[in-house]
Amino acid sequence: MTHFDLASDARFAVASSSPSSLSIRMGRREIFICRDSYVRRYRVNPLIECSAGIEPGHVEILLFRRWLLVLSKARA
């Protein structure tokens, strides 16, 4: 079952400052998509950049230096 939630979520720090965010829940997994507003102090790959998230179990994927995808386990 897929759950679409267009409201901002307090778990992700970027959600409150991004009006165009999307959270998709598929079973025990969650995908959060938003525009990236973080200023990185290092050179970023122009296509895709992958790193560990803030919380344990999170994976952040930056697409085209603009869109941030956060993959995580959904809370119960």
Protein backbone atom coordinates (compact mmCIF):
# COMPACT_ATOMS: atom_id res chain seq x y z
CA MET A 1 0.00 0.00 0.00
CA THR A 2 1.28 3.45 -0.88
CA HIS A 3 0.62 6.50 1.25
CA PHE A 4 1.11 10.00 -0.16
CA ASP A 5 1.65 12.75 2.38
CA LEU A 6 2.14 16.28 1.07
CA ALA A 7 2.35 17.86 4.53
CA SER A 8 5.73 18.64 6.02
CA ASP A 9 7.24 16.11 8.43
CA ALA A 10 9.28 17.13 11.49
CA ARG A 11 11.74 14.23 11.05
CA PHE A 12 13.37 15.86 8.04
CA ALA A 13 14.92 19.26 8.66
CA VAL A 14 14.40 20.40 5.06
CA ALA A 15 10.65 19.69 5.09
CA SER A 16 9.64 22.83 6.95
CA SER A 17 11.46 25.14 4.55
CA SER A 18 10.40 23.32 1.38
CA PRO A 19 6.79 23.83 0.29
CA SER A 20 7.14 21.31 -2.55
CA SER A 21 8.00 18.15 -0.65
CA LEU A 22 6.56 14.67 -1.06
CA SER A 23 6.63 11.73 1.31
CA ILE A 24 5.79 8.25 0.00
CA ARG A 25 5.35 5.27 2.31
CA MET A 26 5.50 1.75 0.91
CA GLY A 27 5.08 -0.83 3.65
CA ARG A 28 7.95 -0.43 6.12
CA ARG A 29 9.96 1.93 3.89
CA GLU A 30 9.60 5.66 3.28
CA ILE A 31 10.87 7.92 0.49
CA PHE A 32 11.02 11.67 1.07
CA ILE A 33 11.58 13.93 -1.97
CA CYS A 34 12.23 17.68 -1.85
CA ARG A 35 14.28 20.48 -3.37
CA ASP A 36 17.75 20.63 -1.83
CA SER A 37 18.45 23.86 0.05
CA TYR A 38 21.65 22.79 1.81
CA VAL A 39 24.85 24.57 0.73
CA ARG A 40 27.57 21.96 0.42
CA ARG A 41 31.21 22.98 1.02
CA TYR A 42 32.55 20.29 -1.31
CA ARG A 43 32.34 19.54 -5.01
CA VAL A 44 29.19 17.56 -5.83
CA ASN A 45 28.82 15.07 -8.68
CA PRO A 46 26.56 16.70 -11.32
CA LEU A 47 24.33 13.61 -11.82
CA ILE A 48 23.98 11.67 -8.57
CA GLU A 49 25.55 11.91 -5.10
CA CYS A 50 24.87 9.35 -2.37
CA SER A 51 25.67 9.74 1.34
CA ALA A 52 24.59 8.58 4.79
CA GLY A 53 21.70 10.49 6.30
CA ILE A 54 21.48 12.33 9.59
CA GLU A 55 19.70 9.51 11.45
CA PRO A 56 20.84 5.86 11.46
CA GLY A 57 19.30 3.90 8.59
CA HIS A 58 18.84 6.93 6.34
CA VAL A 59 20.36 7.22 2.86
CA GLU A 60 20.40 10.59 1.09
CA ILE A 61 20.59 10.71 -2.70
CA LEU A 62 21.11 14.04 -4.44
CA LEU A 63 19.95 14.07 -8.07
CA PHE A 64 21.18 16.70 -10.55
CA ARG A 65 22.42 18.90 -7.63
CA ARG A 66 18.81 19.92 -7.02
CA TRP A 67 16.52 17.12 -5.81
CA LEU A 68 17.10 15.33 -2.51
CA LEU A 69 15.73 11.81 -1.94
CA VAL A 70 15.84 10.43 1.61
CA LEU A 71 15.30 6.69 1.96
CA SER A 72 14.47 5.43 5.45
CA LYS A 73 12.44 2.99 7.52
CA ALA A 74 8.95 4.27 8.26
CA ARG A 75 7.91 4.80 11.84
CA ALA A 76 5.09 2.67 13.17
